[in-house]
Each structure stands twice: as C-alpha cells, then as structure tokens.
Amino acid sequence: KMAEAEDKAQTGIEIAANLIKELKDMCHGVHIMAIGWEKKVPAVLEAAGL
C-alpha cells in the first residue's frame, strides 16, 4: 500500500489509525513512537477516533 501511495504521509496516518482501531479493544492503550513525525500524531489519533 505504501509503495503505491502518492501521499505517503497520509497513507502512513491511515495505516496507523487502522491498526489502532483494530487493536484498541484488545489492549489498554497505545504507545505511538513518531520519531521525526511528532506533528502527525494528532492526525493519527483523530483518524483513529481517539
């Protein structure tokens, strides 16, 4: 998916958000390590519905 994406940042946000959505009922939280992409964390959380 990432290799074919025109907007790799947006695709990365979507992938991360989907993972969070899938895992949130199985765990008590998520730890996002956005090394160098800290400004994207709010977009990930919003896309994940958090």
C-alpha atoms as a PDB file:
ATOM      1  CA  LYS A   1       0.000   0.000   0.000  1.00  0.00           C
ATOM      2  CA  MET A   2       2.759   2.440   0.940  1.00  0.00           C
ATOM      3  CA  ALA A   3       4.780   1.734  -2.203  1.00  0.00           C
ATOM      4  CA  GLU A   4       1.818   2.709  -4.388  1.00  0.00           C
ATOM      5  CA  ALA A   5       0.775   5.768  -2.393  1.00  0.00           C
ATOM      6  CA  GLU A   6       1.117   9.260  -3.816  1.00  0.00           C
ATOM      7  CA  ASP A   7       0.818  10.882  -0.373  1.00  0.00           C
ATOM      8  CA  LYS A   8       2.974   8.654   1.806  1.00  0.00           C
ATOM      9  CA  ALA A   9       2.403  10.732   4.941  1.00  0.00           C
ATOM     10  CA  GLN A  10      -1.385  10.457   4.654  1.00  0.00           C
ATOM     11  CA  THR A  11      -1.141   6.756   3.873  1.00  0.00           C
ATOM     12  CA  GLY A  12       1.044   6.243   6.942  1.00  0.00           C
ATOM     13  CA  ILE A  13      -1.525   8.073   9.058  1.00  0.00           C
ATOM     14  CA  GLU A  14      -4.293   5.857   7.688  1.00  0.00           C
ATOM     15  CA  ILE A  15      -2.300   2.668   8.327  1.00  0.00           C
ATOM     16  CA  ALA A  16      -1.502   3.700  11.899  1.00  0.00           C
ATOM     17  CA  ALA A  17      -5.111   4.721  12.567  1.00  0.00           C
ATOM     18  CA  ASN A  18      -6.436   1.429  11.232  1.00  0.00           C
ATOM     19  CA  LEU A  19      -4.025  -0.533  13.433  1.00  0.00           C
ATOM     20  CA  ILE A  20      -5.128   1.434  16.482  1.00  0.00           C
ATOM     21  CA  LYS A  21      -8.796   0.844  15.637  1.00  0.00           C
ATOM     22  CA  GLU A  22      -8.209  -2.897  15.269  1.00  0.00           C
ATOM     23  CA  LEU A  23      -6.205  -3.211  18.493  1.00  0.00           C
ATOM     24  CA  LYS A  24      -7.955  -0.820  20.871  1.00  0.00           C
ATOM     25  CA  ASP A  25     -10.424  -3.406  22.174  1.00  0.00           C
ATOM     26  CA  MET A  26      -7.605  -5.860  22.893  1.00  0.00           C
ATOM     27  CA  CYS A  27      -5.314  -3.605  24.927  1.00  0.00           C
ATOM     28  CA  HIS A  28      -5.406  -0.787  27.449  1.00  0.00           C
ATOM     29  CA  GLY A  29      -3.672   1.807  25.308  1.00  0.00           C
ATOM     30  CA  VAL A  30      -1.245   2.517  22.520  1.00  0.00           C
ATOM     31  CA  HIS A  31       2.258   3.923  22.508  1.00  0.00           C
ATOM     32  CA  ILE A  32       2.958   5.934  19.385  1.00  0.00           C
ATOM     33  CA  MET A  33       6.617   6.469  18.567  1.00  0.00           C
ATOM     34  CA  ALA A  34       6.579   9.049  15.802  1.00  0.00           C
ATOM     35  CA  ILE A  35      10.288   9.755  15.620  1.00  0.00           C
ATOM     36  CA  GLY A  36      10.617  12.847  13.461  1.00  0.00           C
ATOM     37  CA  TRP A  37       6.875  12.852  12.726  1.00  0.00           C
ATOM     38  CA  GLU A  38       5.586  14.179  16.035  1.00  0.00           C
ATOM     39  CA  LYS A  39       3.395  16.729  14.249  1.00  0.00           C
ATOM     40  CA  LYS A  40       1.449  13.869  12.634  1.00  0.00           C
ATOM     41  CA  VAL A  41       0.370  12.294  15.951  1.00  0.00           C
ATOM     42  CA  PRO A  42      -2.814  14.412  16.311  1.00  0.00           C
ATOM     43  CA  ALA A  43      -3.891  13.363  12.809  1.00  0.00           C
ATOM     44  CA  VAL A  44      -3.323   9.690  13.674  1.00  0.00           C
ATOM     45  CA  LEU A  45      -5.349   9.998  16.874  1.00  0.00           C
ATOM     46  CA  GLU A  46      -8.158  11.854  15.109  1.00  0.00           C
ATOM     47  CA  ALA A  47      -8.276   9.311  12.280  1.00  0.00           C
ATOM     48  CA  ALA A  48      -8.404   6.520  14.878  1.00  0.00           C
ATOM     49  CA  GLY A  49     -11.355   8.192  16.582  1.00  0.00           C
ATOM     50  CA  LEU A  50      -9.485   8.988  19.790  1.00  0.00           C
END
